[in-house]
Amino acid sequence: MPIFFRGALVREPFAFDSVGSRWLQEDTCRPNGYPFYHYLQTLEGCGRILIQGKPYLLGENEGVLLAPSVSHSYARRTEQWITCFCTFTGTVEGSIARILDNRPIIFTGKEQGQRIAPLIGEAVELYEHPPVDAQALSLLCYRLLLQFVEGITSQALLTDPLYLRYVAPVIEEIETHYAAPLTVGALSRRVYVTPQYLSRLFRRFLGCSVYEYLTACRINRAKELLLTHPHMAVQEVALLTGFSDTSHFISMFKKATGCTPLYFRKFH
């Protein structure tokens, strides 16, 4: 039942914060979710996972990828529940949400699971034979993330006129100038619509409001700075990610991740 946790500062674009295979899964409850993207897959037996109050069963070779801070718990439904899992981080962790089209929950079927499990096993094997090849792990991590793109309808967005005219320019503005004093009002004026209409479009295409997208983008950039610049003060991280008030930054960071910025840096 091998399990490995990242023990060094992240220097690669994509990395595993933890990875394990053939794990005798224990009951777990995370009301505030996990701070990183988290994938869990059944290898043998069956488990029940509760996501934001909704129950699902994970049979053999079925899995689920959860975004950071998504409330969940899980428990075995058979005498033994054997799983594999991994959690994702990296210096460009904020790009993971874009790769996955900002989906908070992605279920994988049996065919996908049969492709994903060997990749996780390959990552475990790399950890089992030190010195660990960080670059090979980073590439493997990216290959795994691409497995979750299957079935995501990003191409449909690229042809939708409402998305192209109103949502895409605002996303580009947020991703490029997240450190600036952006507001939903200013962003909506940029595409000549009301803030209410723009947020309706964001909810339709991305499942969140403009403000939620902006905040998530800033928090993701803050995570990157906290991990890649271990001596940078929290006040500076706040300013560099668009938060003019440090107390507000700490409050929003804790709401999104379940912990303070300093605890996040120390724990991870």
C-alpha atoms as a PDB file:
ATOM      1  CA  MET A   1       0.000   0.000   0.000  1.00  0.00           C
ATOM      2  CA  PRO A   2       2.534   2.669  -1.095  1.00  0.00           C
ATOM      3  CA  ILE A   3       1.792   6.337  -0.525  1.00  0.00           C
ATOM      4  CA  PHE A   4       4.149   9.261  -1.061  1.00  0.00           C
ATOM      5  CA  PHE A   5       3.967  12.941  -0.154  1.00  0.00           C
ATOM      6  CA  ARG A   6       5.898  15.777  -1.712  1.00  0.00           C
ATOM      7  CA  GLY A   7       8.860  16.567   0.504  1.00  0.00           C
ATOM      8  CA  ALA A   8      10.558  19.412  -1.385  1.00  0.00           C
ATOM      9  CA  LEU A   9       9.699  22.867  -2.637  1.00  0.00           C
ATOM     10  CA  VAL A  10       7.841  22.737  -5.934  1.00  0.00           C
ATOM     11  CA  ARG A  11      10.000  23.872  -8.843  1.00  0.00           C
ATOM     12  CA  GLU A  12       8.228  22.136 -11.738  1.00  0.00           C
ATOM     13  CA  PRO A  13       5.110  23.448 -13.526  1.00  0.00           C
ATOM     14  CA  PHE A  14       3.032  20.412 -12.490  1.00  0.00           C
ATOM     15  CA  ALA A  15       3.730  18.141  -9.536  1.00  0.00           C
ATOM     16  CA  PHE A  16       2.106  15.606  -7.246  1.00  0.00           C
ATOM     17  CA  ASP A  17       1.453  16.832  -3.731  1.00  0.00           C
ATOM     18  CA  SER A  18       0.662  13.202  -2.857  1.00  0.00           C
ATOM     19  CA  VAL A  19       0.166   9.964  -4.739  1.00  0.00           C
ATOM     20  CA  GLY A  20      -0.755   6.439  -3.698  1.00  0.00           C
ATOM     21  CA  SER A  21      -1.846   3.109  -5.134  1.00  0.00           C
ATOM     22  CA  ARG A  22      -3.536  -0.011  -3.800  1.00  0.00           C
ATOM     23  CA  TRP A  23      -4.459   1.922  -0.682  1.00  0.00           C
ATOM     24  CA  LEU A  24      -6.768   0.315   1.869  1.00  0.00           C
ATOM     25  CA  GLN A  25      -9.088   3.284   1.938  1.00  0.00           C
ATOM     26  CA  GLU A  26     -10.253   4.615   5.281  1.00  0.00           C
ATOM     27  CA  ASP A  27     -13.351   6.725   5.913  1.00  0.00           C
ATOM     28  CA  THR A  28     -12.586  10.405   5.340  1.00  0.00           C
ATOM     29  CA  CYS A  29     -14.504  13.629   5.978  1.00  0.00           C
ATOM     30  CA  ARG A  30     -13.390  17.012   4.622  1.00  0.00           C
ATOM     31  CA  PRO A  31     -16.112  19.636   5.170  1.00  0.00           C
ATOM     32  CA  ASN A  32     -13.801  22.323   3.749  1.00  0.00           C
ATOM     33  CA  GLY A  33     -12.501  20.143   0.937  1.00  0.00           C
ATOM     34  CA  TYR A  34      -8.854  19.592   0.069  1.00  0.00           C
ATOM     35  CA  PRO A  35      -6.498  22.502  -0.743  1.00  0.00           C
ATOM     36  CA  PHE A  36      -5.414  20.996  -4.102  1.00  0.00           C
ATOM     37  CA  TYR A  37      -7.113  19.203  -6.981  1.00  0.00           C
ATOM     38  CA  HIS A  38      -7.729  15.720  -5.636  1.00  0.00           C
ATOM     39  CA  TYR A  39      -8.412  12.507  -7.582  1.00  0.00           C
ATOM     40  CA  LEU A  40      -9.743   9.278  -6.049  1.00  0.00           C
ATOM     41  CA  GLN A  41     -10.381   6.028  -7.935  1.00  0.00           C
ATOM     42  CA  THR A  42     -11.607   2.588  -6.905  1.00  0.00           C
ATOM     43  CA  LEU A  43      -9.379  -0.354  -7.801  1.00  0.00           C
ATOM     44  CA  GLU A  44     -11.273  -3.038  -5.901  1.00  0.00           C
ATOM     45  CA  GLY A  45     -14.554  -3.017  -4.011  1.00  0.00           C
ATOM     46  CA  CYS A  46     -16.864  -0.043  -3.820  1.00  0.00           C
ATOM     47  CA  GLY A  47     -17.004   3.264  -1.981  1.00  0.00           C
ATOM     48  CA  ARG A  48     -19.628   5.912  -1.344  1.00  0.00           C
ATOM     49  CA  ILE A  49     -18.581   9.524  -1.770  1.00  0.00           C
ATOM     50  CA  LEU A  50     -20.668  12.475  -0.616  1.00  0.00           C
ATOM     51  CA  ILE A  51     -19.928  15.656  -2.583  1.00  0.00           C
ATOM     52  CA  GLN A  52     -21.564  18.868  -1.375  1.00  0.00           C
ATOM     53  CA  GLY A  53     -24.321  16.785   0.189  1.00  0.00           C
ATOM     54  CA  LYS A  54     -24.976  14.569  -2.869  1.00  0.00           C
ATOM     55  CA  PRO A  55     -24.121  10.831  -2.676  1.00  0.00           C
ATOM     56  CA  TYR A  56     -22.364   8.862  -5.422  1.00  0.00           C
ATOM     57  CA  LEU A  57     -20.976   5.332  -5.649  1.00  0.00           C
ATOM     58  CA  LEU A  58     -17.515   4.595  -7.028  1.00  0.00           C
ATOM     59  CA  GLY A  59     -17.300   1.079  -8.411  1.00  0.00           C
ATOM     60  CA  GLU A  60     -14.181  -0.606  -9.765  1.00  0.00           C
ATOM     61  CA  ASN A  61     -12.180   1.631 -12.131  1.00  0.00           C
ATOM     62  CA  GLU A  62     -14.510   4.573 -11.472  1.00  0.00           C
ATOM     63  CA  GLY A  63     -13.137   7.783 -10.031  1.00  0.00           C
ATOM     64  CA  VAL A  64     -13.729  11.444  -9.342  1.00  0.00           C
ATOM     65  CA  LEU A  65     -11.574  14.573  -9.536  1.00  0.00           C
ATOM     66  CA  LEU A  66     -12.491  17.376  -7.118  1.00  0.00           C
ATOM     67  CA  ALA A  67     -11.409  20.994  -7.279  1.00  0.00           C
ATOM     68  CA  PRO A  68      -9.855  22.627  -4.211  1.00  0.00           C
ATOM     69  CA  SER A  69     -12.218  23.379  -1.319  1.00  0.00           C
ATOM     70  CA  VAL A  70     -15.113  21.239  -2.607  1.00  0.00           C
ATOM     71  CA  SER A  71     -16.774  19.725   0.465  1.00  0.00           C
ATOM     72  CA  HIS A  72     -16.725  15.908   0.475  1.00  0.00           C
ATOM     73  CA  SER A  73     -16.538  12.731   2.529  1.00  0.00           C
ATOM     74  CA  TYR A  74     -16.254   9.076   1.613  1.00  0.00           C
ATOM     75  CA  ALA A  75     -16.587   5.632   3.158  1.00  0.00           C
ATOM     76  CA  ARG A  76     -16.296   2.032   1.999  1.00  0.00           C
ATOM     77  CA  ARG A  77     -19.383   0.114   0.984  1.00  0.00           C
ATOM     78  CA  THR A  78     -17.647  -3.262   0.733  1.00  0.00           C
ATOM     79  CA  GLU A  79     -15.540  -5.121   3.291  1.00  0.00           C
ATOM     80  CA  GLN A  80     -12.412  -3.737   1.641  1.00  0.00           C
ATOM     81  CA  TRP A  81     -12.154  -0.681  -0.548  1.00  0.00           C
ATOM     82  CA  ILE A  82      -8.844  -0.479  -2.421  1.00  0.00           C
ATOM     83  CA  THR A  83      -8.122   2.828  -4.135  1.00  0.00           C
ATOM     84  CA  CYS A  84      -5.504   4.835  -5.946  1.00  0.00           C
ATOM     85  CA  PHE A  85      -5.300   8.601  -5.647  1.00  0.00           C
ATOM     86  CA  CYS A  86      -3.230  11.688  -6.349  1.00  0.00           C
ATOM     87  CA  THR A  87      -3.301  15.397  -5.604  1.00  0.00           C
ATOM     88  CA  PHE A  88      -1.952  18.058  -7.959  1.00  0.00           C
ATOM     89  CA  THR A  89       0.151  21.163  -7.399  1.00  0.00           C
ATOM     90  CA  GLY A  90       2.987  22.952  -9.244  1.00  0.00           C
ATOM     91  CA  THR A  91       4.361  26.382 -10.001  1.00  0.00           C
ATOM     92  CA  VAL A  92       1.535  26.929 -12.492  1.00  0.00           C
ATOM     93  CA  GLU A  93      -1.151  25.372 -10.334  1.00  0.00           C
ATOM     94  CA  GLY A  94      -3.531  28.154 -11.311  1.00  0.00           C
ATOM     95  CA  SER A  95      -3.562  26.861 -14.887  1.00  0.00           C
ATOM     96  CA  ILE A  96      -5.067  23.529 -13.796  1.00  0.00           C
ATOM     97  CA  ALA A  97      -8.510  25.111 -13.500  1.00  0.00           C
ATOM     98  CA  ARG A  98      -8.203  26.466 -17.049  1.00  0.00           C
ATOM     99  CA  ILE A  99      -7.092  23.069 -18.376  1.00  0.00           C
ATOM    100  CA  LEU A 100     -10.211  21.569 -16.813  1.00  0.00           C
ATOM    101  CA  ASP A 101     -12.522  24.400 -17.939  1.00  0.00           C
ATOM    102  CA  ASN A 102     -13.095  25.350 -14.289  1.00  0.00           C
ATOM    103  CA  ARG A 103     -15.144  22.209 -13.631  1.00  0.00           C
ATOM    104  CA  PRO A 104     -15.344  21.653  -9.832  1.00  0.00           C
ATOM    105  CA  ILE A 105     -16.210  17.931 -10.193  1.00  0.00           C
ATOM    106  CA  ILE A 106     -15.210  15.515 -12.959  1.00  0.00           C
ATOM    107  CA  PHE A 107     -16.252  11.861 -12.844  1.00  0.00           C
ATOM    108  CA  THR A 108     -14.265   9.252 -14.750  1.00  0.00           C
ATOM    109  CA  GLY A 109     -15.766   6.054 -16.152  1.00  0.00           C
ATOM    110  CA  LYS A 110     -14.314   2.584 -16.304  1.00  0.00           C
ATOM    111  CA  GLU A 111     -12.475   3.077 -19.602  1.00  0.00           C
ATOM    112  CA  GLN A 112     -10.842   6.266 -18.377  1.00  0.00           C
ATOM    113  CA  GLY A 113     -10.043   4.608 -15.063  1.00  0.00           C
ATOM    114  CA  GLN A 114      -8.227   1.780 -16.846  1.00  0.00           C
ATOM    115  CA  ARG A 115      -5.950   4.398 -18.427  1.00  0.00           C
ATOM    116  CA  ILE A 116      -5.504   6.515 -15.303  1.00  0.00           C
ATOM    117  CA  ALA A 117      -4.597   3.770 -12.808  1.00  0.00           C
ATOM    118  CA  PRO A 118      -1.405   2.712 -14.672  1.00  0.00           C
ATOM    119  CA  LEU A 119      -0.243   6.349 -14.783  1.00  0.00           C
ATOM    120  CA  ILE A 120      -0.681   6.654 -11.027  1.00  0.00           C
ATOM    121  CA  GLY A 121       1.148   3.332 -10.632  1.00  0.00           C
ATOM    122  CA  GLU A 122       3.971   4.710 -12.776  1.00  0.00           C
ATOM    123  CA  ALA A 123       4.243   7.770 -10.517  1.00  0.00           C
ATOM    124  CA  VAL A 124       4.390   5.559  -7.421  1.00  0.00           C
ATOM    125  CA  GLU A 125       7.129   3.481  -9.044  1.00  0.00           C
ATOM    126  CA  LEU A 126       9.205   6.614  -9.702  1.00  0.00           C
ATOM    127  CA  TYR A 127       8.934   7.559  -6.025  1.00  0.00           C
ATOM    128  CA  GLU A 128       9.916   4.035  -4.990  1.00  0.00           C
ATOM    129  CA  HIS A 129      13.262   4.244  -6.805  1.00  0.00           C
ATOM    130  CA  PRO A 130      15.122   7.383  -5.649  1.00  0.00           C
ATOM    131  CA  PRO A 131      16.626   9.704  -6.573  1.00  0.00           C
ATOM    132  CA  VAL A 132      13.263  10.936  -7.774  1.00  0.00           C
ATOM    133  CA  ASP A 133      13.228  12.333 -11.316  1.00  0.00           C
ATOM    134  CA  ALA A 134      11.224  15.534 -10.744  1.00  0.00           C
ATOM    135  CA  GLN A 135      10.961  16.360 -14.453  1.00  0.00           C
ATOM    136  CA  ALA A 136       9.644  12.900 -15.335  1.00  0.00           C
ATOM    137  CA  LEU A 137       7.073  13.227 -12.537  1.00  0.00           C
ATOM    138  CA  SER A 138       6.023  16.645 -13.809  1.00  0.00           C
ATOM    139  CA  LEU A 139       5.440  15.285 -17.311  1.00  0.00           C
ATOM    140  CA  LEU A 140       3.534  12.333 -15.883  1.00  0.00           C
ATOM    141  CA  CYS A 141       1.426  14.716 -13.802  1.00  0.00           C
ATOM    142  CA  TYR A 142       0.519  16.674 -16.944  1.00  0.00           C
ATOM    143  CA  ARG A 143      -0.350  13.459 -18.812  1.00  0.00           C
ATOM    144  CA  LEU A 144      -2.695  12.564 -15.974  1.00  0.00           C
ATOM    145  CA  LEU A 145      -4.391  15.961 -16.051  1.00  0.00           C
ATOM    146  CA  LEU A 146      -5.027  15.573 -19.779  1.00  0.00           C
ATOM    147  CA  GLN A 147      -6.944  12.357 -19.042  1.00  0.00           C
ATOM    148  CA  PHE A 148      -9.572  14.449 -17.269  1.00  0.00           C
ATOM    149  CA  VAL A 149     -10.062  16.722 -20.272  1.00  0.00           C
ATOM    150  CA  GLU A 150     -11.854  13.901 -22.107  1.00  0.00           C
ATOM    151  CA  GLY A 151     -15.511  14.732 -22.486  1.00  0.00           C
ATOM    152  CA  ILE A 152     -15.122  18.382 -21.534  1.00  0.00           C
ATOM    153  CA  THR A 153     -16.844  20.504 -24.142  1.00  0.00           C
ATOM    154  CA  SER A 154     -14.316  23.315 -24.459  1.00  0.00           C
ATOM    155  CA  GLN A 155     -14.607  23.236 -28.249  1.00  0.00           C
ATOM    156  CA  ALA A 156     -18.302  24.081 -27.959  1.00  0.00           C
ATOM    157  CA  LEU A 157     -17.396  27.250 -26.071  1.00  0.00           C
ATOM    158  CA  LEU A 158     -15.044  28.335 -28.827  1.00  0.00           C
ATOM    159  CA  THR A 159     -17.929  28.491 -31.284  1.00  0.00           C
ATOM    160  CA  ASP A 160     -20.575  30.054 -29.044  1.00  0.00           C
ATOM    161  CA  PRO A 161     -21.020  33.736 -30.023  1.00  0.00           C
ATOM    162  CA  LEU A 162     -22.080  34.847 -26.529  1.00  0.00           C
ATOM    163  CA  TYR A 163     -19.018  33.218 -24.961  1.00  0.00           C
ATOM    164  CA  LEU A 164     -16.673  34.673 -27.576  1.00  0.00           C
ATOM    165  CA  ARG A 165     -18.142  38.172 -27.411  1.00  0.00           C
ATOM    166  CA  TYR A 166     -18.645  38.641 -23.666  1.00  0.00           C
ATOM    167  CA  VAL A 167     -17.018  35.932 -21.547  1.00  0.00           C
ATOM    168  CA  ALA A 168     -13.702  35.224 -23.311  1.00  0.00           C
ATOM    169  CA  PRO A 169     -12.493  38.889 -23.293  1.00  0.00           C
ATOM    170  CA  VAL A 170     -13.299  39.210 -19.590  1.00  0.00           C
ATOM    171  CA  ILE A 171     -11.455  35.964 -18.776  1.00  0.00           C
ATOM    172  CA  GLU A 172      -8.430  37.257 -20.674  1.00  0.00           C
ATOM    173  CA  GLU A 173      -8.586  40.555 -18.777  1.00  0.00           C
ATOM    174  CA  ILE A 174      -8.798  38.743 -15.420  1.00  0.00           C
ATOM    175  CA  GLU A 175      -5.990  36.286 -16.207  1.00  0.00           C
ATOM    176  CA  THR A 176      -3.728  39.076 -17.468  1.00  0.00           C
ATOM    177  CA  HIS A 177      -4.478  41.836 -14.940  1.00  0.00           C
ATOM    178  CA  TYR A 178      -5.627  39.991 -11.804  1.00  0.00           C
ATOM    179  CA  ALA A 179      -3.224  42.114  -9.719  1.00  0.00           C
ATOM    180  CA  ALA A 180      -4.959  45.324 -10.817  1.00  0.00           C
ATOM    181  CA  PRO A 181      -7.939  46.792  -8.915  1.00  0.00           C
ATOM    182  CA  LEU A 182     -10.519  45.031 -11.100  1.00  0.00           C
ATOM    183  CA  THR A 183     -14.224  45.187 -10.311  1.00  0.00           C
ATOM    184  CA  VAL A 184     -17.193  43.375 -11.817  1.00  0.00           C
ATOM    185  CA  GLY A 185     -18.598  46.741 -12.896  1.00  0.00           C
ATOM    186  CA  ALA A 186     -15.435  47.717 -14.757  1.00  0.00           C
ATOM    187  CA  LEU A 187     -15.166  44.296 -16.396  1.00  0.00           C
ATOM    188  CA  SER A 188     -18.788  44.410 -17.562  1.00  0.00           C
ATOM    189  CA  ARG A 189     -18.327  47.899 -18.997  1.00  0.00           C
ATOM    190  CA  ARG A 190     -15.395  46.563 -21.008  1.00  0.00           C
ATOM    191  CA  VAL A 191     -17.814  44.359 -22.990  1.00  0.00           C
ATOM    192  CA  TYR A 192     -20.749  46.831 -22.832  1.00  0.00           C
ATOM    193  CA  VAL A 193     -23.183  44.784 -20.713  1.00  0.00           C
ATOM    194  CA  THR A 194     -24.533  45.056 -17.177  1.00  0.00           C
ATOM    195  CA  PRO A 195     -22.746  43.274 -14.295  1.00  0.00           C
ATOM    196  CA  GLN A 196     -25.844  41.143 -13.753  1.00  0.00           C
ATOM    197  CA  TYR A 197     -25.947  39.938 -17.367  1.00  0.00           C
ATOM    198  CA  LEU A 198     -22.217  39.208 -17.423  1.00  0.00           C
ATOM    199  CA  SER A 199     -22.483  37.129 -14.254  1.00  0.00           C
ATOM    200  CA  ARG A 200     -25.420  35.210 -15.753  1.00  0.00           C
ATOM    201  CA  LEU A 201     -23.247  34.390 -18.757  1.00  0.00           C
ATOM    202  CA  PHE A 202     -20.380  33.290 -16.502  1.00  0.00           C
ATOM    203  CA  ARG A 203     -22.724  31.013 -14.578  1.00  0.00           C
ATOM    204  CA  ARG A 204     -24.089  29.588 -17.817  1.00  0.00           C
ATOM    205  CA  PHE A 205     -20.685  28.785 -19.314  1.00  0.00           C
ATOM    206  CA  LEU A 206     -18.390  28.363 -16.295  1.00  0.00           C
ATOM    207  CA  GLY A 207     -20.682  27.621 -13.367  1.00  0.00           C
ATOM    208  CA  CYS A 208     -19.608  30.643 -11.305  1.00  0.00           C
ATOM    209  CA  SER A 209     -20.092  34.412 -11.141  1.00  0.00           C
ATOM    210  CA  VAL A 210     -17.568  36.943 -12.444  1.00  0.00           C
ATOM    211  CA  TYR A 211     -16.571  37.815  -8.880  1.00  0.00           C
ATOM    212  CA  GLU A 212     -16.091  34.146  -7.993  1.00  0.00           C
ATOM    213  CA  TYR A 213     -13.906  33.615 -11.070  1.00  0.00           C
ATOM    214  CA  LEU A 214     -11.820  36.694 -10.278  1.00  0.00           C
ATOM    215  CA  THR A 215     -11.389  35.649  -6.646  1.00  0.00           C
ATOM    216  CA  ALA A 216     -10.466  32.075  -7.587  1.00  0.00           C
ATOM    217  CA  CYS A 217      -7.884  33.354 -10.064  1.00  0.00           C
ATOM    218  CA  ARG A 218      -6.312  35.607  -7.421  1.00  0.00           C
ATOM    219  CA  ILE A 219      -6.283  32.867  -4.775  1.00  0.00           C
ATOM    220  CA  ASN A 220      -4.637  30.436  -7.211  1.00  0.00           C
ATOM    221  CA  ARG A 221      -1.919  32.992  -7.974  1.00  0.00           C
ATOM    222  CA  ALA A 222      -1.472  33.562  -4.246  1.00  0.00           C
ATOM    223  CA  LYS A 223      -0.940  29.820  -3.720  1.00  0.00           C
ATOM    224  CA  GLU A 224       1.766  29.840  -6.388  1.00  0.00           C
ATOM    225  CA  LEU A 225       3.573  32.784  -4.754  1.00  0.00           C
ATOM    226  CA  LEU A 226       3.323  31.276  -1.273  1.00  0.00           C
ATOM    227  CA  LEU A 227       4.954  28.044  -2.459  1.00  0.00           C
ATOM    228  CA  THR A 228       7.493  29.394  -4.941  1.00  0.00           C
ATOM    229  CA  HIS A 229       8.582  32.390  -2.815  1.00  0.00           C
ATOM    230  CA  PRO A 230       8.790  30.983   0.732  1.00  0.00           C
ATOM    231  CA  HIS A 231      10.224  34.196   2.210  1.00  0.00           C
ATOM    232  CA  MET A 232       7.754  36.603   0.637  1.00  0.00           C
ATOM    233  CA  ALA A 233       5.595  38.353   3.238  1.00  0.00           C
ATOM    234  CA  VAL A 234       1.866  37.680   3.227  1.00  0.00           C
ATOM    235  CA  GLN A 235       1.229  41.407   2.781  1.00  0.00           C
ATOM    236  CA  GLU A 236       3.268  41.383  -0.445  1.00  0.00           C
ATOM    237  CA  VAL A 237       1.494  38.262  -1.705  1.00  0.00           C
ATOM    238  CA  ALA A 238      -1.808  40.024  -1.098  1.00  0.00           C
ATOM    239  CA  LEU A 239      -0.760  43.129  -3.053  1.00  0.00           C
ATOM    240  CA  LEU A 240       0.680  41.117  -5.953  1.00  0.00           C
ATOM    241  CA  THR A 241      -2.575  39.211  -6.360  1.00  0.00           C
ATOM    242  CA  GLY A 242      -4.963  42.145  -6.316  1.00  0.00           C
ATOM    243  CA  PHE A 243      -5.912  42.361  -2.621  1.00  0.00           C
ATOM    244  CA  SER A 244      -5.340  45.872  -1.273  1.00  0.00           C
ATOM    245  CA  ASP A 245      -6.258  44.824   2.279  1.00  0.00           C
ATOM    246  CA  THR A 246      -4.237  42.020   3.902  1.00  0.00           C
ATOM    247  CA  SER A 247      -6.970  41.117   6.378  1.00  0.00           C
ATOM    248  CA  HIS A 248      -9.463  40.720   3.529  1.00  0.00           C
ATOM    249  CA  PHE A 249      -6.937  38.576   1.629  1.00  0.00           C
ATOM    250  CA  ILE A 250      -6.422  36.282   4.634  1.00  0.00           C
ATOM    251  CA  SER A 251     -10.183  35.985   5.130  1.00  0.00           C
ATOM    252  CA  MET A 252     -10.839  35.135   1.458  1.00  0.00           C
ATOM    253  CA  PHE A 253      -7.889  32.720   1.331  1.00  0.00           C
ATOM    254  CA  LYS A 254      -9.158  30.887   4.415  1.00  0.00           C
ATOM    255  CA  LYS A 255     -12.671  30.744   2.970  1.00  0.00           C
ATOM    256  CA  ALA A 256     -11.332  29.217  -0.269  1.00  0.00           C
ATOM    257  CA  THR A 257      -8.768  26.785   1.181  1.00  0.00           C
ATOM    258  CA  GLY A 258      -9.848  26.169   4.774  1.00  0.00           C
ATOM    259  CA  CYS A 259      -6.588  27.542   6.202  1.00  0.00           C
ATOM    260  CA  THR A 260      -4.593  30.770   6.493  1.00  0.00           C
ATOM    261  CA  PRO A 261      -1.853  31.639   3.961  1.00  0.00           C
ATOM    262  CA  LEU A 262       0.903  30.976   6.515  1.00  0.00           C
ATOM    263  CA  TYR A 263      -0.531  27.582   7.441  1.00  0.00           C
ATOM    264  CA  PHE A 264      -0.907  26.724   3.759  1.00  0.00           C
ATOM    265  CA  ARG A 265       2.767  27.556   3.158  1.00  0.00           C
ATOM    266  CA  LYS A 266       3.922  25.633   6.229  1.00  0.00           C
ATOM    267  CA  PHE A 267       1.768  22.565   5.558  1.00  0.00           C
ATOM    268  CA  HIS A 268       2.561  22.296   1.858  1.00  0.00           C
END
